[in-house]
């Protein structure tokens, strides 16, 4: 097991990479813990859960709302959960986001731990202390910054993932390499087949490297005032495409990264060869490099982006594989960029 530490304003978060899910009880106050999970995870792993109160919630972006949060609040009140209660989210990114948000807001904040069970959540969504829910149909419009006490990443739990969900997680790994680590990107270029086969040593290396990158960024900029903005590479278009098409998060981010990279080429920042490397790697990983979409719906979603200020959006561009910059780009230029891939 390889622990990585994130130091937040209100406490320390320890990322336990390679820890076995069966050891969860060793990391929580069992008698005071409430586990939040989804029916699918409960079906696969319920027998291995510690003997705690369990709240099951439906997943999918349509359920990542304040309505779901209120339902959990009502259950917590009914079981007389106190400030000593410890919330544990066990599931993919949606479960982790909701559990983290509930823990940050119930009784003005109770303890929290996460067990991300999807690749996307282990390398990104479950790490870093950002949590929240969608509002008015737009991504993560209501949320908080608050570090969980721990994040337990068991690579064996990834074996129950459907192929599309696994590919969705690889999009976030590609993102980490593209913005900050050329060596990670190159490693994935030469090990993509073993990665798709979930070879333990390859997956552990990829998760550990992504967590280390994100931890380093969050330790510098927990509340996304500067360096952490680079983690949004591909996500401005990705979130808009996700809303407009119903694609999985990683699928939409895959296309979003290519649009951002093409825009980087157009601006003279990124060599064409680097764009082609990105496109080839996403293809190897069975991720889409283009998709059909309703242009009007995508533009409407872009206009609601949280990073928008007036007629511009804070946007991440690449200058090379492993190097990125954040700049303000006009919405009109982003609209034109939709035609680049």
Protein backbone atom coordinates (compact mmCIF):
# COMPACT_ATOMS: atom_id res chain seq x y z
CA UNK A 1 0.00 0.00 0.00
CA UNK A 2 1.28 3.46 -0.96
CA UNK A 3 -0.22 6.33 1.07
CA UNK A 4 -0.32 9.87 -0.36
CA UNK A 5 -1.19 12.86 1.82
CA UNK A 6 -3.22 15.96 0.99
CA UNK A 7 -3.07 18.79 3.52
CA UNK A 8 -6.28 20.81 3.46
CA UNK A 9 -7.22 23.90 5.42
CA UNK A 10 -9.39 21.89 7.80
CA UNK A 11 -7.44 18.64 8.00
CA UNK A 12 -5.32 16.00 6.35
CA UNK A 13 -6.55 13.45 3.83
CA UNK A 14 -4.66 10.18 3.39
CA UNK A 15 -5.03 8.35 0.07
CA UNK A 16 -4.56 4.61 0.62
CA UNK A 17 -3.55 3.18 -2.77
CA UNK A 18 -3.70 -0.61 -2.91
CA UNK A 19 -5.51 -1.03 0.41
CA UNK A 20 -7.92 -3.98 0.58
CA UNK A 21 -11.61 -3.12 0.93
CA UNK A 22 -11.91 -5.82 3.60
CA UNK A 23 -9.80 -3.59 5.86
CA UNK A 24 -12.26 -0.69 5.75
CA UNK A 25 -13.34 -1.35 9.35
CA UNK A 26 -9.79 -0.62 10.52
CA UNK A 27 -10.10 2.95 9.22
CA UNK A 28 -13.52 3.95 10.60
CA UNK A 29 -15.40 4.14 13.91
CA UNK A 30 -17.66 1.21 13.03
CA UNK A 31 -20.33 1.85 15.68
CA UNK A 32 -20.79 5.47 14.57
CA UNK A 33 -20.40 5.10 10.81
CA UNK A 34 -23.06 5.40 8.12
CA UNK A 35 -22.20 3.93 4.71
CA UNK A 36 -23.60 5.56 1.56
CA UNK A 37 -23.58 3.33 -1.52
CA UNK A 38 -25.64 2.35 -4.55
CA UNK A 39 -27.69 -0.81 -5.21
CA UNK A 40 -25.15 -2.23 -7.68
CA UNK A 41 -22.25 -1.94 -5.23
CA UNK A 42 -24.41 -3.37 -2.47
CA UNK A 43 -25.22 -6.36 -4.66
CA UNK A 44 -21.55 -7.00 -5.48
CA UNK A 45 -19.91 -6.21 -2.15
CA UNK A 46 -22.64 -5.93 0.51
CA UNK A 47 -21.51 -9.06 2.31
CA UNK A 48 -18.10 -7.47 2.79
CA UNK A 49 -19.41 -4.19 4.27
CA UNK A 50 -18.63 -3.52 7.96
CA UNK A 51 -21.67 -3.87 10.28
CA UNK A 52 -22.88 -0.26 9.93
CA UNK A 53 -26.02 1.60 8.97
CA UNK A 54 -26.26 1.60 5.14
CA UNK A 55 -28.02 4.16 2.95
CA UNK A 56 -28.46 3.14 -0.69
CA UNK A 57 -29.00 5.81 -3.34
CA UNK A 58 -29.66 5.60 -7.06
CA UNK A 59 -26.84 6.76 -9.32
CA UNK A 60 -26.73 8.55 -12.64
CA UNK A 61 -26.43 12.29 -13.22
CA UNK A 62 -30.21 12.74 -12.88
CA UNK A 63 -29.95 11.59 -9.25
CA UNK A 64 -26.94 13.75 -8.35
CA UNK A 65 -29.20 16.45 -6.95
CA UNK A 66 -30.26 18.20 -3.78
CA UNK A 67 -33.31 15.92 -3.71
CA UNK A 68 -31.02 12.94 -3.10
CA UNK A 69 -29.09 14.92 -0.47
CA UNK A 70 -32.34 15.80 1.32
CA UNK A 71 -33.37 12.13 1.34
CA UNK A 72 -30.06 11.25 3.03
CA UNK A 73 -30.49 14.10 5.54
CA UNK A 74 -33.94 12.76 6.40
CA UNK A 75 -32.52 9.29 6.99
CA UNK A 76 -29.71 10.67 9.15
CA UNK A 77 -32.21 12.60 11.27
CA UNK A 78 -34.41 9.50 11.58
CA UNK A 79 -31.52 7.39 12.92
CA UNK A 80 -30.46 10.30 15.19
CA UNK A 81 -27.03 10.75 13.61
CA UNK A 82 -24.84 13.01 15.79
CA UNK A 83 -21.76 15.12 15.22
CA UNK A 84 -19.71 12.04 16.04
CA UNK A 85 -21.26 10.25 13.04
CA UNK A 86 -18.80 9.29 10.31
CA UNK A 87 -20.02 9.17 6.69
CA UNK A 88 -18.38 6.73 4.25
CA UNK A 89 -19.12 6.90 0.52
CA UNK A 90 -18.61 3.57 -1.25
CA UNK A 91 -19.09 3.76 -4.99
CA UNK A 92 -18.24 5.72 -8.10
CA UNK A 93 -17.78 9.44 -8.52
CA UNK A 94 -21.45 10.29 -7.99
CA UNK A 95 -21.66 8.41 -4.68
CA UNK A 96 -18.38 9.97 -3.53
CA UNK A 97 -19.52 13.47 -4.50
CA UNK A 98 -22.86 13.12 -2.74
CA UNK A 99 -21.43 11.47 0.38
CA UNK A 100 -18.74 14.13 0.63
CA UNK A 101 -21.29 16.93 0.26
CA UNK A 102 -23.59 15.38 2.88
CA UNK A 103 -20.70 15.01 5.33
CA UNK A 104 -19.60 18.62 4.75
CA UNK A 105 -23.06 20.05 5.42
CA UNK A 106 -24.92 17.80 7.88
CA UNK A 107 -24.71 19.38 11.34
CA UNK A 108 -22.22 21.84 9.77
CA UNK A 109 -19.82 19.02 9.05
CA UNK A 110 -19.13 15.48 10.23
CA UNK A 111 -16.27 13.08 9.54
CA UNK A 112 -16.00 11.46 6.13
CA UNK A 113 -14.08 8.75 4.28
CA UNK A 114 -14.39 7.54 0.69
CA UNK A 115 -14.00 4.20 -1.06
CA UNK A 116 -14.02 5.04 -4.79
CA UNK A 117 -14.83 1.88 -6.75
CA UNK A 118 -14.53 3.17 -10.33
CA UNK A 119 -11.27 3.99 -12.07
CA UNK A 120 -12.47 7.54 -12.70
CA UNK A 121 -13.18 8.05 -9.01
CA UNK A 122 -9.89 6.49 -7.87
CA UNK A 123 -7.75 8.73 -10.06
CA UNK A 124 -9.82 11.90 -9.92
CA UNK A 125 -13.37 12.31 -8.61
CA UNK A 126 -12.76 10.72 -5.20
CA UNK A 127 -9.51 12.60 -4.54
CA UNK A 128 -8.98 16.25 -3.70
CA UNK A 129 -11.93 17.28 -1.56
CA UNK A 130 -14.23 18.77 -4.22
CA UNK A 131 -17.78 17.52 -3.84
CA UNK A 132 -21.26 18.61 -4.74
CA UNK A 133 -24.38 18.05 -6.78
CA UNK A 134 -25.93 19.24 -10.01
CA UNK A 135 -28.54 21.99 -9.99
CA UNK A 136 -30.92 23.08 -12.71
CA UNK A 137 -29.45 20.41 -14.95
CA UNK A 138 -25.92 21.84 -14.74
CA UNK A 139 -22.87 20.05 -13.40
CA UNK A 140 -21.69 20.54 -9.81
CA UNK A 141 -23.36 23.93 -9.35
CA UNK A 142 -23.73 23.43 -5.58
CA UNK A 143 -20.88 22.05 -3.51
CA UNK A 144 -18.01 22.49 -1.08
CA UNK A 145 -14.26 22.03 -0.72
CA UNK A 146 -13.60 19.63 2.17
CA UNK A 147 -11.03 16.86 2.41
CA UNK A 148 -12.14 13.36 3.46
CA UNK A 149 -10.14 11.79 6.28
CA UNK A 150 -9.11 8.98 3.93
CA UNK A 151 -9.66 7.63 0.44
CA UNK A 152 -9.31 3.85 0.13
CA UNK A 153 -8.41 2.72 -3.41
CA UNK A 154 -8.67 -1.06 -3.87
CA UNK A 155 -7.63 -1.97 -7.45
CA UNK A 156 -9.41 -5.34 -7.24
CA UNK A 157 -12.76 -3.54 -7.12
CA UNK A 158 -12.19 -2.26 -10.65
CA UNK A 159 -12.69 -5.75 -12.07
CA UNK A 160 -16.46 -5.49 -11.76
CA UNK A 161 -16.59 -2.38 -13.98
CA UNK A 162 -18.25 -2.49 -17.42
CA UNK A 163 -15.89 -1.75 -20.31
CA UNK A 164 -17.33 1.73 -20.97
CA UNK A 165 -16.96 2.73 -17.32
CA UNK A 166 -13.36 1.56 -17.32
CA UNK A 167 -12.60 3.53 -20.48
CA UNK A 168 -14.20 6.58 -18.91
CA UNK A 169 -11.64 6.39 -16.11
CA UNK A 170 -8.74 6.16 -18.54
CA UNK A 171 -9.76 9.55 -19.94
CA UNK A 172 -8.88 11.13 -16.60
CA UNK A 173 -5.53 9.33 -16.53
CA UNK A 174 -4.74 10.68 -20.00
CA UNK A 175 -5.73 14.13 -18.73
CA UNK A 176 -3.27 13.98 -15.84
CA UNK A 177 -0.44 13.01 -18.18
CA UNK A 178 -1.39 15.60 -20.79
CA UNK A 179 -1.38 18.54 -18.38
CA UNK A 180 1.43 17.66 -15.99
CA UNK A 181 3.41 14.46 -16.63
CA UNK A 182 4.89 13.57 -20.02
CA UNK A 183 6.40 10.40 -18.52
CA UNK A 184 2.98 9.17 -17.37
CA UNK A 185 1.56 9.87 -20.83
CA UNK A 186 4.42 7.95 -22.48
CA UNK A 187 4.02 5.06 -20.03
CA UNK A 188 0.36 4.75 -20.99
CA UNK A 189 1.30 4.88 -24.68
CA UNK A 190 3.46 1.76 -24.22
CA UNK A 191 1.29 -0.03 -21.64
CA UNK A 192 -2.26 0.68 -22.85
CA UNK A 193 -3.00 -2.98 -23.61
CA UNK A 194 -1.91 -4.09 -20.13
CA UNK A 195 -3.88 -1.20 -18.65
CA UNK A 196 -7.07 -2.28 -20.42
CA UNK A 197 -6.45 -5.81 -19.11
CA UNK A 198 -6.15 -4.34 -15.58
CA UNK A 199 -2.67 -5.74 -15.04
CA UNK A 200 -2.19 -5.08 -11.30
CA UNK A 201 1.26 -3.49 -11.48
CA UNK A 202 0.21 -1.20 -14.34
CA UNK A 203 -3.07 -0.09 -12.76
CA UNK A 204 -1.42 0.50 -9.39
CA UNK A 205 1.27 2.62 -11.04
CA UNK A 206 -1.28 4.66 -13.01
CA UNK A 207 -3.54 5.30 -10.01
CA UNK A 208 -0.58 6.15 -7.76
CA UNK A 209 0.89 8.58 -10.28
CA UNK A 210 -2.45 10.34 -10.90
CA UNK A 211 -3.11 10.64 -7.18
CA UNK A 212 0.41 12.04 -6.64
CA UNK A 213 -0.13 14.63 -9.37
CA UNK A 214 -3.51 15.67 -8.01
CA UNK A 215 -2.25 15.74 -4.42
CA UNK A 216 0.65 18.01 -5.39
CA UNK A 217 -1.74 20.37 -7.17
CA UNK A 218 -4.32 20.41 -4.36
CA UNK A 219 -1.64 20.93 -1.71
CA UNK A 220 -0.71 24.13 -3.59
CA UNK A 221 -4.24 25.28 -4.45
CA UNK A 222 -7.01 23.51 -2.54
CA UNK A 223 -9.76 25.96 -3.51
CA UNK A 224 -8.96 26.19 -7.24
CA UNK A 225 -7.63 29.75 -7.38
CA UNK A 226 -4.71 28.98 -9.70
CA UNK A 227 -2.81 25.77 -10.39
CA UNK A 228 -5.76 23.47 -9.67
CA UNK A 229 -7.62 24.97 -12.62
CA UNK A 230 -5.38 22.92 -14.91
CA UNK A 231 -7.21 19.80 -13.74
CA UNK A 232 -10.18 21.08 -15.76
CA UNK A 233 -8.44 20.30 -19.06
CA UNK A 234 -11.08 18.92 -21.42
CA UNK A 235 -13.85 19.52 -18.91
CA UNK A 236 -15.29 22.79 -20.20
CA UNK A 237 -16.39 21.13 -23.42
CA UNK A 238 -16.65 17.77 -21.66
CA UNK A 239 -19.33 18.90 -19.21
CA UNK A 240 -21.26 20.61 -21.99
CA UNK A 241 -21.12 17.51 -24.21
CA UNK A 242 -22.06 15.29 -21.28
CA UNK A 243 -25.18 17.34 -20.64
CA UNK A 244 -26.12 17.66 -24.31
CA UNK A 245 -25.54 14.03 -25.35
CA UNK A 246 -25.87 11.89 -22.24
CA UNK A 247 -22.39 10.45 -22.83
CA UNK A 248 -20.41 9.10 -19.90
CA UNK A 249 -18.20 11.68 -18.19
CA UNK A 250 -14.92 10.26 -19.48
CA UNK A 251 -16.27 9.86 -23.01
CA UNK A 252 -17.30 13.51 -23.10
CA UNK A 253 -13.99 14.62 -21.56
CA UNK A 254 -12.12 12.60 -24.21
CA UNK A 255 -13.72 14.66 -26.98
CA UNK A 256 -13.39 17.80 -24.85
CA UNK A 257 -9.63 17.26 -24.54
CA UNK A 258 -9.28 16.90 -28.30
CA UNK A 259 -11.22 20.11 -28.93
CA UNK A 260 -9.02 21.92 -26.40
CA UNK A 261 -5.88 20.43 -27.97
CA UNK A 262 -7.01 21.41 -31.46
CA UNK A 263 -7.64 24.95 -30.19
CA UNK A 264 -4.13 24.89 -28.72
CA UNK A 265 -2.74 23.95 -32.16
CA UNK A 266 -4.76 26.72 -33.81
CA UNK A 267 -3.30 29.25 -31.39
CA UNK A 268 0.24 28.11 -32.21
CA UNK A 269 0.85 26.71 -28.73
CA UNK A 270 0.84 22.97 -29.36
CA UNK A 271 2.71 21.02 -32.08
CA UNK A 272 0.44 19.06 -34.41
CA UNK A 273 2.41 15.91 -33.56
CA UNK A 274 1.42 16.25 -29.90
CA UNK A 275 -2.25 16.54 -30.89
CA UNK A 276 -1.91 13.35 -32.94
CA UNK A 277 -0.33 11.52 -29.97
CA UNK A 278 -3.29 12.50 -27.80
CA UNK A 279 -5.78 11.38 -30.41
CA UNK A 280 -4.01 8.04 -30.95
CA UNK A 281 -3.84 7.27 -27.23
CA UNK A 282 -7.52 8.00 -26.69
CA UNK A 283 -8.34 5.74 -29.63
CA UNK A 284 -6.23 2.91 -28.19
CA UNK A 285 -8.12 3.24 -24.92
CA UNK A 286 -11.47 2.83 -26.71
CA UNK A 287 -12.52 6.40 -26.07
CA UNK A 288 -14.41 8.53 -28.60
CA UNK A 289 -12.50 11.19 -30.54
CA UNK A 290 -15.67 12.83 -31.86
CA UNK A 291 -19.40 12.64 -31.26
CA UNK A 292 -22.62 13.93 -32.72
CA UNK A 293 -24.26 16.68 -30.68
CA UNK A 294 -26.82 19.46 -30.77
CA UNK A 295 -24.69 22.59 -31.21
CA UNK A 296 -27.29 24.85 -29.59
CA UNK A 297 -27.52 22.61 -26.49
CA UNK A 298 -23.73 22.52 -26.13
CA UNK A 299 -23.44 26.30 -26.46
CA UNK A 300 -26.17 26.77 -23.85
CA UNK A 301 -24.28 24.50 -21.44
CA UNK A 302 -21.01 26.34 -22.12
CA UNK A 303 -22.73 29.57 -21.13
CA UNK A 304 -23.55 28.07 -17.72
CA UNK A 305 -19.97 26.93 -17.02
CA UNK A 306 -18.83 27.74 -13.47
CA UNK A 307 -15.54 29.12 -14.84
CA UNK A 308 -17.30 31.79 -16.91
CA UNK A 309 -16.70 35.48 -16.20
CA UNK A 310 -18.75 37.74 -18.44
CA UNK A 311 -18.13 36.72 -22.04
CA UNK A 312 -15.00 34.67 -21.30
CA UNK A 313 -14.22 31.33 -19.69
CA UNK A 314 -11.07 30.27 -17.85
CA UNK A 315 -9.81 27.58 -20.18
CA UNK A 316 -6.95 25.07 -20.15
CA UNK A 317 -4.70 24.77 -23.22
CA UNK A 318 -1.69 22.53 -23.87
CA UNK A 319 1.75 23.77 -24.86
CA UNK A 320 3.15 20.24 -25.11
CA UNK A 321 2.42 16.80 -23.74
CA UNK A 322 2.84 17.27 -19.99
CA UNK A 323 2.62 21.07 -20.08
CA UNK A 324 -0.47 23.26 -19.84
CA UNK A 325 -1.59 26.84 -19.27
CA UNK A 326 -4.81 28.51 -18.12
CA UNK A 327 -6.09 31.52 -20.02
CA UNK A 328 -9.28 33.48 -20.59
CA UNK A 329 -10.97 32.61 -23.88
CA UNK A 330 -14.01 34.32 -25.37
CA UNK A 331 -17.18 32.25 -25.61
CA UNK A 332 -17.31 33.08 -29.32
CA UNK A 333 -13.90 31.44 -29.87
CA UNK A 334 -15.00 28.38 -27.92
CA UNK A 335 -18.14 28.16 -30.02
CA UNK A 336 -16.04 28.19 -33.19
CA UNK A 337 -13.77 25.50 -31.73
CA UNK A 338 -16.63 22.99 -31.77
CA UNK A 339 -15.94 22.51 -35.46
CA UNK A 340 -12.28 21.56 -34.95
CA UNK A 341 -12.79 17.78 -34.39
